[in-house]
Each structure stands twice: as C-alpha cells, then as structure tokens.
Full PDB file with SEQRES, HELIX, SHEET, SSBOND, CRYST1, ORIGX, SCALE, CONECT and MASTER records, all heavy atoms in Angstrom:
SEQRES   1 A   43  GLU VAL MET ILE PRO ALA SER SER GLU LEU ILE GLY GLN          
SEQRES   2 A   43  SER LEU HIS GLY SER ARG LEU GLN ARG ARG PHE ASP VAL          
SEQRES   3 A   43  ASP VAL LEU GLU LEU HIS ARG GLY PRO GLU ARG PHE THR          
SEQRES   4 A   43  PRO PRO LEU ALA                                              
HELIX    1 AA1 LEU A   20  ARG A   23  1                                   4    
SHEET    1 AA1 2 LEU A  31  ARG A  33  0                                        
SHEET    2 AA1 2 GLU A  36  PHE A  38 -1                                        
CRYST1    1.000    1.000    1.000  90.00  90.00  90.00 P 1           1          
ORIGX1      1.000000  0.000000  0.000000        0.00000                         
ORIGX2      0.000000  1.000000  0.000000        0.00000                         
ORIGX3      0.000000  0.000000  1.000000        0.00000                         
SCALE1      1.000000  0.000000  0.000000        0.00000                         
SCALE2      0.000000  1.000000  0.000000        0.00000                         
SCALE3      0.000000  0.000000  1.000000        0.00000                         
ATOM      1  N   GLU A   1     -17.772 103.953  37.551  1.00  0.00           N  
ATOM      2  CA  GLU A   1     -18.874 104.680  38.159  1.00  0.00           C  
ATOM      3  C   GLU A   1     -19.860 105.077  37.059  1.00  0.00           C  
ATOM      4  O   GLU A   1     -19.454 105.603  36.016  1.00  0.00           O  
ATOM      5  CB  GLU A   1     -18.346 105.937  38.866  1.00  0.00           C  
ATOM      6  CG  GLU A   1     -19.381 106.648  39.704  1.00  0.00           C  
ATOM      7  CD  GLU A   1     -18.784 107.856  40.406  1.00  0.00           C  
ATOM      8  OE1 GLU A   1     -17.559 108.045  40.329  1.00  0.00           O  
ATOM      9  OE2 GLU A   1     -19.563 108.616  41.001  1.00  0.00           O  
ATOM     10  N   VAL A   2     -21.146 104.789  37.282  1.00  0.00           N  
ATOM     11  CA  VAL A   2     -22.167 105.100  36.292  1.00  0.00           C  
ATOM     12  C   VAL A   2     -23.296 105.870  36.953  1.00  0.00           C  
ATOM     13  O   VAL A   2     -23.447 105.862  38.173  1.00  0.00           O  
ATOM     14  CB  VAL A   2     -22.725 103.806  35.634  1.00  0.00           C  
ATOM     15  CG1 VAL A   2     -21.634 103.048  34.908  1.00  0.00           C  
ATOM     16  CG2 VAL A   2     -23.397 102.914  36.667  1.00  0.00           C  
ATOM     17  N   MET A   3     -24.092 106.534  36.127  1.00  0.00           N  
ATOM     18  CA  MET A   3     -25.223 107.290  36.632  1.00  0.00           C  
ATOM     19  C   MET A   3     -26.489 106.820  35.920  1.00  0.00           C  
ATOM     20  O   MET A   3     -26.456 106.447  34.749  1.00  0.00           O  
ATOM     21  CB  MET A   3     -25.018 108.785  36.387  1.00  0.00           C  
ATOM     22  CG  MET A   3     -26.088 109.664  37.036  1.00  0.00           C  
ATOM     23  SD  MET A   3     -25.777 111.428  36.783  1.00  0.00           S  
ATOM     24  CE  MET A   3     -26.199 111.599  35.049  1.00  0.00           C  
ATOM     25  N   ILE A   4     -27.610 106.824  36.636  1.00  0.00           N  
ATOM     26  CA  ILE A   4     -28.886 106.410  36.061  1.00  0.00           C  
ATOM     27  C   ILE A   4     -29.566 107.620  35.426  1.00  0.00           C  
ATOM     28  O   ILE A   4     -29.940 108.568  36.125  1.00  0.00           O  
ATOM     29  CB  ILE A   4     -29.788 105.791  37.148  1.00  0.00           C  
ATOM     30  CG1 ILE A   4     -29.107 104.550  37.732  1.00  0.00           C  
ATOM     31  CG2 ILE A   4     -31.154 105.431  36.576  1.00  0.00           C  
ATOM     32  CD1 ILE A   4     -29.890 103.888  38.832  1.00  0.00           C  
ATOM     33  N   PRO A   5     -29.725 107.616  34.090  1.00  0.00           N  
ATOM     34  CA  PRO A   5     -30.333 108.773  33.415  1.00  0.00           C  
ATOM     35  C   PRO A   5     -31.854 108.714  33.485  1.00  0.00           C  
ATOM     36  O   PRO A   5     -32.455 107.728  33.928  1.00  0.00           O  
ATOM     37  CB  PRO A   5     -29.853 108.604  31.970  1.00  0.00           C  
ATOM     38  CG  PRO A   5     -29.746 107.118  31.804  1.00  0.00           C  
ATOM     39  CD  PRO A   5     -29.305 106.573  33.134  1.00  0.00           C  
ATOM     40  N   ALA A   6     -32.485 109.769  32.995  1.00  0.00           N  
ATOM     41  CA  ALA A   6     -33.949 109.866  33.058  1.00  0.00           C  
ATOM     42  C   ALA A   6     -34.624 108.789  32.217  1.00  0.00           C  
ATOM     43  O   ALA A   6     -35.747 108.385  32.505  1.00  0.00           O  
ATOM     44  CB  ALA A   6     -34.394 111.251  32.597  1.00  0.00           C  
ATOM     45  N   SER A   7     -33.947 108.309  31.164  1.00  0.00           N  
ATOM     46  CA  SER A   7     -34.562 107.327  30.257  1.00  0.00           C  
ATOM     47  C   SER A   7     -34.327 105.883  30.691  1.00  0.00           C  
ATOM     48  O   SER A   7     -34.766 104.962  30.017  1.00  0.00           O  
ATOM     49  CB  SER A   7     -33.992 107.509  28.851  1.00  0.00           C  
ATOM     50  OG  SER A   7     -32.578 107.345  28.859  1.00  0.00           O  
ATOM     51  N   SER A   8     -33.658 105.667  31.815  1.00  0.00           N  
ATOM     52  CA  SER A   8     -33.287 104.318  32.207  1.00  0.00           C  
ATOM     53  C   SER A   8     -34.488 103.510  32.683  1.00  0.00           C  
ATOM     54  O   SER A   8     -35.349 104.014  33.418  1.00  0.00           O  
ATOM     55  CB  SER A   8     -32.240 104.358  33.321  1.00  0.00           C  
ATOM     56  OG  SER A   8     -31.946 103.054  33.782  1.00  0.00           O  
ATOM     57  N   GLU A   9     -34.528 102.245  32.284  1.00  0.00           N  
ATOM     58  CA  GLU A   9     -35.579 101.340  32.741  1.00  0.00           C  
ATOM     59  C   GLU A   9     -35.380 100.918  34.197  1.00  0.00           C  
ATOM     60  O   GLU A   9     -36.256 100.290  34.799  1.00  0.00           O  
ATOM     61  CB  GLU A   9     -35.624 100.094  31.871  1.00  0.00           C  
ATOM     62  CG  GLU A   9     -34.389  99.213  31.975  1.00  0.00           C  
ATOM     63  CD  GLU A   9     -34.469  97.976  31.107  1.00  0.00           C  
ATOM     64  OE1 GLU A   9     -34.460  98.121  29.867  1.00  0.00           O  
ATOM     65  OE2 GLU A   9     -34.546  96.880  31.674  1.00  0.00           O  
ATOM     66  N   LEU A  10     -34.240 101.275  34.792  1.00  0.00           N  
ATOM     67  CA  LEU A  10     -33.957 100.888  36.170  1.00  0.00           C  
ATOM     68  C   LEU A  10     -34.663 101.769  37.193  1.00  0.00           C  
ATOM     69  O   LEU A  10     -34.762 101.387  38.365  1.00  0.00           O  
ATOM     70  CB  LEU A  10     -32.445 100.939  36.429  1.00  0.00           C  
ATOM     71  CG  LEU A  10     -31.571 100.015  35.577  1.00  0.00           C  
ATOM     72  CD1 LEU A  10     -30.102 100.246  35.888  1.00  0.00           C  
ATOM     73  CD2 LEU A  10     -31.939  98.557  35.810  1.00  0.00           C  
ATOM     74  N   ILE A  11     -35.131 102.931  36.780  1.00  0.00           N  
ATOM     75  CA  ILE A  11     -35.756 103.869  37.716  1.00  0.00           C  
ATOM     76  C   ILE A  11     -36.996 103.226  38.342  1.00  0.00           C  
ATOM     77  O   ILE A  11     -37.866 102.695  37.644  1.00  0.00           O  
ATOM     78  CB  ILE A  11     -36.129 105.182  37.005  1.00  0.00           C  
ATOM     79  CG1 ILE A  11     -34.862 105.911  36.531  1.00  0.00           C  
ATOM     80  CG2 ILE A  11     -36.949 106.085  37.923  1.00  0.00           C  
ATOM     81  CD1 ILE A  11     -35.143 107.165  35.729  1.00  0.00           C  
ATOM     82  N   GLY A  12     -37.037 103.255  39.657  1.00  0.00           N  
ATOM     83  CA  GLY A  12     -38.161 102.681  40.381  1.00  0.00           C  
ATOM     84  C   GLY A  12     -38.021 101.202  40.679  1.00  0.00           C  
ATOM     85  O   GLY A  12     -38.827 100.644  41.424  1.00  0.00           O  
ATOM     86  N   GLN A  13     -37.010 100.563  40.116  1.00  0.00           N  
ATOM     87  CA  GLN A  13     -36.799  99.140  40.361  1.00  0.00           C  
ATOM     88  C   GLN A  13     -35.682  98.949  41.388  1.00  0.00           C  
ATOM     89  O   GLN A  13     -34.807  99.794  41.540  1.00  0.00           O  
ATOM     90  CB  GLN A  13     -36.421  98.410  39.078  1.00  0.00           C  
ATOM     91  CG  GLN A  13     -37.482  98.437  38.003  1.00  0.00           C  
ATOM     92  CD  GLN A  13     -37.102  97.549  36.825  1.00  0.00           C  
ATOM     93  OE1 GLN A  13     -36.481  96.513  37.004  1.00  0.00           O  
ATOM     94  NE2 GLN A  13     -37.491  97.948  35.634  1.00  0.00           N  
ATOM     95  N   SER A  14     -35.733  97.832  42.059  1.00  0.00           N  
ATOM     96  CA  SER A  14     -34.632  97.460  42.936  1.00  0.00           C  
ATOM     97  C   SER A  14     -33.622  96.650  42.129  1.00  0.00           C  
ATOM     98  O   SER A  14     -33.926  96.155  41.042  1.00  0.00           O  
ATOM     99  CB  SER A  14     -35.140  96.626  44.111  1.00  0.00           C  
ATOM    100  OG  SER A  14     -35.654  95.389  43.642  1.00  0.00           O  
ATOM    101  N   LEU A  15     -32.406  96.538  42.661  1.00  0.00           N  
ATOM    102  CA  LEU A  15     -31.399  95.727  41.977  1.00  0.00           C  
ATOM    103  C   LEU A  15     -31.861  94.282  41.880  1.00  0.00           C  
ATOM    104  O   LEU A  15     -31.630  93.606  40.879  1.00  0.00           O  
ATOM    105  CB  LEU A  15     -30.070  95.806  42.731  1.00  0.00           C  
ATOM    106  CG  LEU A  15     -29.338  97.143  42.664  1.00  0.00           C  
ATOM    107  CD1 LEU A  15     -28.138  97.127  43.591  1.00  0.00           C  
ATOM    108  CD2 LEU A  15     -28.914  97.450  41.243  1.00  0.00           C  
ATOM    109  N   HIS A  16     -32.548  93.805  42.912  1.00  0.00           N  
ATOM    110  CA  HIS A  16     -33.039  92.431  42.902  1.00  0.00           C  
ATOM    111  C   HIS A  16     -34.117  92.229  41.837  1.00  0.00           C  
ATOM    112  O   HIS A  16     -34.162  91.185  41.182  1.00  0.00           O  
ATOM    113  CB  HIS A  16     -33.598  92.078  44.285  1.00  0.00           C  
ATOM    114  CG  HIS A  16     -34.168  90.688  44.360  1.00  0.00           C  
ATOM    115  ND1 HIS A  16     -33.373  89.556  44.438  1.00  0.00           N  
ATOM    116  CD2 HIS A  16     -35.458  90.249  44.348  1.00  0.00           C  
ATOM    117  CE1 HIS A  16     -34.148  88.493  44.475  1.00  0.00           C  
ATOM    118  NE2 HIS A  16     -35.409  88.872  44.430  1.00  0.00           N  
ATOM    119  N   GLY A  17     -34.962  93.233  41.630  1.00  0.00           N  
ATOM    120  CA  GLY A  17     -36.053  93.092  40.679  1.00  0.00           C  
ATOM    121  C   GLY A  17     -35.694  93.457  39.259  1.00  0.00           C  
ATOM    122  O   GLY A  17     -36.443  93.156  38.332  1.00  0.00           O  
ATOM    123  N   SER A  18     -34.560  94.122  39.061  1.00  0.00           N  
ATOM    124  CA  SER A  18     -34.171  94.537  37.708  1.00  0.00           C  
ATOM    125  C   SER A  18     -33.373  93.437  37.031  1.00  0.00           C  
ATOM    126  O   SER A  18     -32.997  92.445  37.646  1.00  0.00           O  
ATOM    127  CB  SER A  18     -33.329  95.815  37.766  1.00  0.00           C  
ATOM    128  OG  SER A  18     -32.036  95.519  38.260  1.00  0.00           O  
ATOM    129  N   ARG A  19     -33.079  93.637  35.724  1.00  0.00           N  
ATOM    130  CA  ARG A  19     -32.284  92.667  34.981  1.00  0.00           C  
ATOM    131  C   ARG A  19     -30.818  93.056  34.930  1.00  0.00           C  
ATOM    132  O   ARG A  19     -30.036  92.461  34.208  1.00  0.00           O  
ATOM    133  CB  ARG A  19     -32.825  92.508  33.561  1.00  0.00           C  
ATOM    134  CG  ARG A  19     -32.748  93.751  32.701  1.00  0.00           C  
ATOM    135  CD  ARG A  19     -33.528  93.566  31.416  1.00  0.00           C  
ATOM    136  NE  ARG A  19     -33.433  94.749  30.574  1.00  0.00           N  
ATOM    137  CZ  ARG A  19     -32.744  94.801  29.439  1.00  0.00           C  
ATOM    138  NH1 ARG A  19     -32.098  93.740  29.026  1.00  0.00           N  
ATOM    139  NH2 ARG A  19     -32.704  95.897  28.717  1.00  0.00           N  
ATOM    140  N   LEU A  20     -30.452  94.067  35.758  1.00  0.00           N  
ATOM    141  CA  LEU A  20     -29.078  94.550  35.714  1.00  0.00           C  
ATOM    142  C   LEU A  20     -28.094  93.443  36.066  1.00  0.00           C  
ATOM    143  O   LEU A  20     -27.128  93.201  35.350  1.00  0.00           O  
ATOM    144  CB  LEU A  20     -28.913  95.734  36.672  1.00  0.00           C  
ATOM    145  CG  LEU A  20     -27.506  96.339  36.764  1.00  0.00           C  
ATOM    146  CD1 LEU A  20     -27.121  96.968  35.440  1.00  0.00           C  
ATOM    147  CD2 LEU A  20     -27.434  97.377  37.880  1.00  0.00           C  
ATOM    148  N   GLN A  21     -28.335  92.736  37.189  1.00  0.00           N  
ATOM    149  CA  GLN A  21     -27.402  91.718  37.626  1.00  0.00           C  
ATOM    150  C   GLN A  21     -27.734  90.332  37.080  1.00  0.00           C  
ATOM    151  O   GLN A  21     -26.903  89.441  37.097  1.00  0.00           O  
ATOM    152  CB  GLN A  21     -27.360  91.680  39.155  1.00  0.00           C  
ATOM    153  CG  GLN A  21     -26.687  92.924  39.747  1.00  0.00           C  
ATOM    154  CD  GLN A  21     -26.663  92.882  41.261  1.00  0.00           C  
ATOM    155  OE1 GLN A  21     -27.704  92.775  41.899  1.00  0.00           O  
ATOM    156  NE2 GLN A  21     -25.479  92.964  41.835  1.00  0.00           N  
ATOM    157  N   ARG A  22     -28.951  90.126  36.583  1.00  0.00           N  
ATOM    158  CA  ARG A  22     -29.297  88.831  36.004  1.00  0.00           C  
ATOM    159  C   ARG A  22     -28.706  88.671  34.615  1.00  0.00           C  
ATOM    160  O   ARG A  22     -28.183  87.620  34.263  1.00  0.00           O  
ATOM    161  CB  ARG A  22     -30.824  88.664  35.925  1.00  0.00           C  
ATOM    162  CG  ARG A  22     -31.524  88.580  37.249  1.00  0.00           C  
ATOM    163  CD  ARG A  22     -32.908  87.971  37.075  1.00  0.00           C  
ATOM    164  NE  ARG A  22     -33.677  88.579  36.004  1.00  0.00           N  
ATOM    165  CZ  ARG A  22     -34.478  89.617  36.165  1.00  0.00           C  
ATOM    166  NH1 ARG A  22     -34.595  90.165  37.352  1.00  0.00           N  
ATOM    167  NH2 ARG A  22     -35.155  90.122  35.149  1.00  0.00           N  
ATOM    168  N   ARG A  23     -28.814  89.725  33.826  1.00  0.00           N  
ATOM    169  CA  ARG A  23     -28.429  89.618  32.423  1.00  0.00           C  
ATOM    170  C   ARG A  23     -26.971  89.988  32.185  1.00  0.00           C  
ATOM    171  O   ARG A  23     -26.364  89.555  31.217  1.00  0.00           O  
ATOM    172  CB  ARG A  23     -29.342  90.511  31.599  1.00  0.00           C  
ATOM    173  CG  ARG A  23     -29.153  90.365  30.106  1.00  0.00           C  
ATOM    174  CD  ARG A  23     -30.281  91.045  29.359  1.00  0.00           C  
ATOM    175  NE  ARG A  23     -30.072  91.009  27.937  1.00  0.00           N  
ATOM    176  CZ  ARG A  23     -30.885  91.565  27.056  1.00  0.00           C  
ATOM    177  NH1 ARG A  23     -31.979  92.168  27.467  1.00  0.00           N  
ATOM    178  NH2 ARG A  23     -30.641  91.498  25.772  1.00  0.00           N  
ATOM    179  N   PHE A  24     -26.407  90.780  33.081  1.00  0.00           N  
ATOM    180  CA  PHE A  24     -25.040  91.243  32.899  1.00  0.00           C  
ATOM    181  C   PHE A  24     -24.194  90.807  34.089  1.00  0.00           C  
ATOM    182  O   PHE A  24     -24.684  90.680  35.206  1.00  0.00           O  
ATOM    183  CB  PHE A  24     -24.997  92.764  32.752  1.00  0.00           C  
ATOM    184  CG  PHE A  24     -25.810  93.288  31.606  1.00  0.00           C  
ATOM    185  CD1 PHE A  24     -27.124  93.692  31.809  1.00  0.00           C  
ATOM    186  CD2 PHE A  24     -25.290  93.357  30.332  1.00  0.00           C  
ATOM    187  CE1 PHE A  24     -27.888  94.177  30.763  1.00  0.00           C  
ATOM    188  CE2 PHE A  24     -26.044  93.829  29.277  1.00  0.00           C  
ATOM    189  CZ  PHE A  24     -27.349  94.243  29.489  1.00  0.00           C  
ATOM    190  N   ASP A  25     -22.932  90.596  33.830  1.00  0.00           N  
ATOM    191  CA  ASP A  25     -22.008  90.201  34.888  1.00  0.00           C  
ATOM    192  C   ASP A  25     -21.565  91.452  35.634  1.00  0.00           C  
ATOM    193  O   ASP A  25     -20.495  92.003  35.386  1.00  0.00           O  
ATOM    194  CB  ASP A  25     -20.810  89.477  34.276  1.00  0.00           C  
ATOM    195  CG  ASP A  25     -19.803  89.072  35.319  1.00  0.00           C  
ATOM    196  OD1 ASP A  25     -20.213  88.847  36.474  1.00  0.00           O  
ATOM    197  OD2 ASP A  25     -18.611  89.014  34.992  1.00  0.00           O  
ATOM    198  N   VAL A  26     -22.398  91.928  36.551  1.00  0.00           N  
ATOM    199  CA  VAL A  26     -22.196  93.208  37.232  1.00  0.00           C  
ATOM    200  C   VAL A  26     -22.362  93.025  38.739  1.00  0.00           C  
ATOM    201  O   VAL A  26     -23.279  92.341  39.192  1.00  0.00           O  
ATOM    202  CB  VAL A  26     -23.216  94.260  36.725  1.00  0.00           C  
ATOM    203  CG1 VAL A  26     -23.203  95.493  37.606  1.00  0.00           C  
ATOM    204  CG2 VAL A  26     -22.906  94.640  35.289  1.00  0.00           C  
ATOM    205  N   ASP A  27     -21.469  93.606  39.504  1.00  0.00           N  
ATOM    206  CA  ASP A  27     -21.619  93.704  40.955  1.00  0.00           C  
ATOM    207  C   ASP A  27     -21.739  95.175  41.330  1.00  0.00           C  
ATOM    208  O   ASP A  27     -20.900  95.998  40.917  1.00  0.00           O  
ATOM    209  CB  ASP A  27     -20.422  93.097  41.684  1.00  0.00           C  
ATOM    210  CG  ASP A  27     -20.438  91.579  41.648  1.00  0.00           C  
ATOM    211  OD1 ASP A  27     -21.519  91.016  41.880  1.00  0.00           O  
ATOM    212  OD2 ASP A  27     -19.383  90.979  41.404  1.00  0.00           O  
ATOM    213  N   VAL A  28     -22.773  95.545  42.090  1.00  0.00           N  
ATOM    214  CA  VAL A  28     -22.942  96.914  42.574  1.00  0.00           C  
ATOM    215  C   VAL A  28     -22.297  97.005  43.951  1.00  0.00           C  
ATOM    216  O   VAL A  28     -22.755  96.365  44.903  1.00  0.00           O  
ATOM    217  CB  VAL A  28     -24.432  97.304  42.645  1.00  0.00           C  
ATOM    218  CG1 VAL A  28     -24.578  98.730  43.138  1.00  0.00           C  
ATOM    219  CG2 VAL A  28     -25.083  97.151  41.275  1.00  0.00           C  
ATOM    220  N   LEU A  29     -21.226  97.783  44.061  1.00  0.00           N  
ATOM    221  CA  LEU A  29     -20.463  97.879  45.302  1.00  0.00           C  
ATOM    222  C   LEU A  29     -20.961  98.991  46.214  1.00  0.00           C  
ATOM    223  O   LEU A  29     -20.906  98.857  47.436  1.00  0.00           O  
ATOM    224  CB  LEU A  29     -18.980  98.099  44.985  1.00  0.00           C  
ATOM    225  CG  LEU A  29     -18.351  97.109  44.003  1.00  0.00           C  
ATOM    226  CD1 LEU A  29     -16.886  97.431  43.805  1.00  0.00           C  
ATOM    227  CD2 LEU A  29     -18.523  95.691  44.502  1.00  0.00           C  
ATOM    228  N   GLU A  30     -21.420 100.098  45.621  1.00  0.00           N  
ATOM    229  CA  GLU A  30     -21.911 101.235  46.396  1.00  0.00           C  
ATOM    230  C   GLU A  30     -22.952 101.989  45.603  1.00  0.00           C  
ATOM    231  O   GLU A  30     -22.999 101.900  44.365  1.00  0.00           O  
ATOM    232  CB  GLU A  30     -20.766 102.202  46.755  1.00  0.00           C  
ATOM    233  CG  GLU A  30     -19.809 101.698  47.798  1.00  0.00           C  
ATOM    234  CD  GLU A  30     -18.793 102.754  48.192  1.00  0.00           C  
ATOM    235  OE1 GLU A  30     -18.839 103.859  47.619  1.00  0.00           O  
ATOM    236  OE2 GLU A  30     -17.960 102.472  49.063  1.00  0.00           O  
ATOM    237  N   LEU A  31     -23.790 102.723  46.322  1.00  0.00           N  
ATOM    238  CA  LEU A  31     -24.776 103.608  45.700  1.00  0.00           C  
ATOM    239  C   LEU A  31     -24.616 104.990  46.314  1.00  0.00           C  
ATOM    240  O   LEU A  31     -24.618 105.136  47.550  1.00  0.00           O  
ATOM    241  CB  LEU A  31     -26.191 103.060  45.928  1.00  0.00           C  
ATOM    242  CG  LEU A  31     -27.350 103.789  45.213  1.00  0.00           C  
ATOM    243  CD1 LEU A  31     -28.493 102.823  44.959  1.00  0.00           C  
ATOM    244  CD2 LEU A  31     -27.871 104.963  46.052  1.00  0.00           C  
ATOM    245  N   HIS A  32     -24.483 106.023  45.469  1.00  0.00           N  
ATOM    246  CA  HIS A  32     -24.375 107.415  45.919  1.00  0.00           C  
ATOM    247  C   HIS A  32     -25.619 108.164  45.462  1.00  0.00           C  
ATOM    248  O   HIS A  32     -25.954 108.162  44.277  1.00  0.00           O  
ATOM    249  CB  HIS A  32     -23.122 108.067  45.332  1.00  0.00           C  
ATOM    250  CG  HIS A  32     -21.841 107.468  45.842  1.00  0.00           C  
ATOM    251  ND1 HIS A  32     -21.125 108.014  46.881  1.00  0.00           N  
ATOM    252  CD2 HIS A  32     -21.165 106.352  45.461  1.00  0.00           C  
ATOM    253  CE1 HIS A  32     -20.061 107.273  47.124  1.00  0.00           C  
ATOM    254  NE2 HIS A  32     -20.057 106.249  46.250  1.00  0.00           N  
ATOM    255  N   ARG A  33     -26.294 108.797  46.401  1.00  0.00           N  
ATOM    256  CA  ARG A  33     -27.490 109.579  46.097  1.00  0.00           C  
ATOM    257  C   ARG A  33     -27.333 110.942  46.769  1.00  0.00           C  
ATOM    258  O   ARG A  33     -27.524 111.072  47.976  1.00  0.00           O  
ATOM    259  CB  ARG A  33     -28.738 108.866  46.603  1.00  0.00           C  
ATOM    260  CG  ARG A  33     -30.047 109.592  46.307  1.00  0.00           C  
ATOM    261  CD  ARG A  33     -31.234 108.720  46.710  1.00  0.00           C  
ATOM    262  NE  ARG A  33     -31.300 107.511  45.900  1.00  0.00           N  
ATOM    263  CZ  ARG A  33     -31.943 106.404  46.283  1.00  0.00           C  
ATOM    264  NH1 ARG A  33     -32.559 106.343  47.444  1.00  0.00           N  
ATOM    265  NH2 ARG A  33     -31.947 105.344  45.473  1.00  0.00           N  
ATOM    266  N   GLY A  34     -26.927 111.923  45.952  1.00  0.00           N  
ATOM    267  CA  GLY A  34     -26.624 113.228  46.526  1.00  0.00           C  
ATOM    268  C   GLY A  34     -25.469 113.094  47.502  1.00  0.00           C  
ATOM    269  O   GLY A  34     -24.444 112.475  47.212  1.00  0.00           O  
ATOM    270  N   PRO A  35     -25.637 113.629  48.714  1.00  0.00           N  
ATOM    271  CA  PRO A  35     -24.556 113.501  49.711  1.00  0.00           C  
ATOM    272  C   PRO A  35     -24.552 112.151  50.425  1.00  0.00           C  
ATOM    273  O   PRO A  35     -23.628 111.855  51.170  1.00  0.00           O  
ATOM    274  CB  PRO A  35     -24.886 114.633  50.696  1.00  0.00           C  
ATOM    275  CG  PRO A  35     -26.371 114.782  50.617  1.00  0.00           C  
ATOM    276  CD  PRO A  35     -26.731 114.506  49.183  1.00  0.00           C  
ATOM    277  N   GLU A  36     -25.570 111.318  50.196  1.00  0.00           N  
ATOM    278  CA  GLU A  36     -25.674 110.046  50.903  1.00  0.00           C  
ATOM    279  C   GLU A  36     -24.877 108.949  50.188  1.00  0.00           C  
ATOM    280  O   GLU A  36     -24.765 108.943  48.967  1.00  0.00           O  
ATOM    281  CB  GLU A  36     -27.146 109.610  51.006  1.00  0.00           C  
ATOM    282  CG  GLU A  36     -28.022 110.537  51.833  1.00  0.00           C  
ATOM    283  CD  GLU A  36     -29.441 110.014  51.920  1.00  0.00           C  
ATOM    284  OE1 GLU A  36     -30.202 110.231  50.944  1.00  0.00           O  
ATOM    285  OE2 GLU A  36     -29.782 109.372  52.936  1.00  0.00           O  
ATOM    286  N   ARG A  37     -24.363 108.038  50.996  1.00  0.00           N  
ATOM    287  CA  ARG A  37     -23.586 106.918  50.476  1.00  0.00           C  
ATOM    288  C   ARG A  37     -24.125 105.633  51.091  1.00  0.00           C  
ATOM    289  O   ARG A  37     -24.183 105.494  52.318  1.00  0.00           O  
ATOM    290  CB  ARG A  37     -22.109 107.096  50.827  1.00  0.00           C  
ATOM    291  CG  ARG A  37     -21.211 105.915  50.492  1.00  0.00           C  
ATOM    292  CD  ARG A  37     -19.758 106.301  50.761  1.00  0.00           C  
ATOM    293  NE  ARG A  37     -18.876 105.154  50.684  1.00  0.00           N  
ATOM    294  CZ  ARG A  37     -18.494 104.421  51.735  1.00  0.00           C  
ATOM    295  NH1 ARG A  37     -18.934 104.745  52.941  1.00  0.00           N  
ATOM    296  NH2 ARG A  37     -17.678 103.406  51.590  1.00  0.00           N  
ATOM    297  N   PHE A  38     -24.540 104.671  50.233  1.00  0.00           N  
ATOM    298  CA  PHE A  38     -25.112 103.419  50.707  1.00  0.00           C  
ATOM    299  C   PHE A  38     -24.188 102.272  50.303  1.00  0.00           C  
ATOM    300  O   PHE A  38     -23.678 102.235  49.183  1.00  0.00           O  
ATOM    301  CB  PHE A  38     -26.506 103.184  50.098  1.00  0.00           C  
ATOM    302  CG  PHE A  38     -27.486 104.279  50.375  1.00  0.00           C  
ATOM    303  CD1 PHE A  38     -27.714 105.295  49.447  1.00  0.00           C  
ATOM    304  CD2 PHE A  38     -28.184 104.306  51.573  1.00  0.00           C  
ATOM    305  CE1 PHE A  38     -28.613 106.300  49.703  1.00  0.00           C  
ATOM    306  CE2 PHE A  38     -29.097 105.312  51.838  1.00  0.00           C  
ATOM    307  CZ  PHE A  38     -29.317 106.315  50.906  1.00  0.00           C  
ATOM    308  N   THR A  39     -24.000 101.343  51.221  1.00  0.00           N  
ATOM    309  CA  THR A  39     -23.172 100.171  50.959  1.00  0.00           C  
ATOM    310  C   THR A  39     -24.043  98.922  51.046  1.00  0.00           C  
ATOM    311  O   THR A  39     -25.174  98.976  51.528  1.00  0.00           O  
ATOM    312  CB  THR A  39     -22.031 100.075  51.982  1.00  0.00           C  
ATOM    313  OG1 THR A  39     -22.582 100.050  53.307  1.00  0.00           O  
ATOM    314  CG2 THR A  39     -21.083 101.269  51.853  1.00  0.00           C  
ATOM    315  N   PRO A  40     -23.553  97.782  50.554  1.00  0.00           N  
ATOM    316  CA  PRO A  40     -24.351  96.552  50.590  1.00  0.00           C  
ATOM    317  C   PRO A  40     -24.790  96.214  52.020  1.00  0.00           C  
ATOM    318  O   PRO A  40     -24.087  96.546  52.974  1.00  0.00           O  
ATOM    319  CB  PRO A  40     -23.389  95.496  50.042  1.00  0.00           C  
ATOM    320  CG  PRO A  40     -22.440  96.273  49.186  1.00  0.00           C  
ATOM    321  CD  PRO A  40     -22.276  97.592  49.874  1.00  0.00           C  
ATOM    322  N   PRO A  41     -25.992  95.594  52.131  1.00  0.00           N  
ATOM    323  CA  PRO A  41     -26.837  95.056  51.052  1.00  0.00           C  
ATOM    324  C   PRO A  41     -27.687  96.117  50.374  1.00  0.00           C  
ATOM    325  O   PRO A  41     -28.254  96.981  51.043  1.00  0.00           O  
ATOM    326  CB  PRO A  41     -27.722  94.051  51.782  1.00  0.00           C  
ATOM    327  CG  PRO A  41     -27.791  94.564  53.189  1.00  0.00           C  
ATOM    328  CD  PRO A  41     -26.480  95.210  53.472  1.00  0.00           C  
ATOM    329  N   LEU A  42     -27.723  96.055  49.051  1.00  0.00           N  
ATOM    330  CA  LEU A  42     -28.444  97.051  48.256  1.00  0.00           C  
ATOM    331  C   LEU A  42     -29.556  96.444  47.416  1.00  0.00           C  
ATOM    332  O   LEU A  42     -30.215  97.158  46.661  1.00  0.00           O  
ATOM    333  CB  LEU A  42     -27.459  97.765  47.311  1.00  0.00           C  
ATOM    334  CG  LEU A  42     -26.282  98.499  47.967  1.00  0.00           C  
ATOM    335  CD1 LEU A  42     -25.272  98.903  46.900  1.00  0.00           C  
ATOM    336  CD2 LEU A  42     -26.768  99.734  48.704  1.00  0.00           C  
ATOM    337  N   ALA A  43     -29.766  95.129  47.523  1.00  0.00           N  
ATOM    338  CA  ALA A  43     -30.643  94.419  46.580  1.00  0.00           C  
ATOM    339  C   ALA A  43     -32.067  94.961  46.565  1.00  0.00           C  
ATOM    340  O   ALA A  43     -32.715  95.002  45.519  1.00  0.00           O  
ATOM    341  CB  ALA A  43     -30.658  92.924  46.903  1.00  0.00           C  
TER     342      ALA A  43                                                      
MASTER        0    0    0    1    2    0    0    6  341    1    0    4          
END                                                                             
C-alpha cells in the first residue's frame, strides 16, 4: 500500500496517462480516497 505525496508527479494524472504502469511493472488493484474505495477499472 502506497500513498501519493504532495511532491508526486502523479497528482492530476490518470493511471493511463502517467508513466506509473508503463515504466514500472505495477498493477493498481484498488484506490482509497478518504472513506471512499474504488476498484478497477481505474485507468
């Protein structure tokens, strides 16, 4: 489980538009935002 900090280049980008999954072998299984929980599709 990881958190997006204030200095992250991912802020404002979608998973599809970022280099998170292109450059790294990473699968995003869930997204938690406060009390909300989002499941795929998250791209």
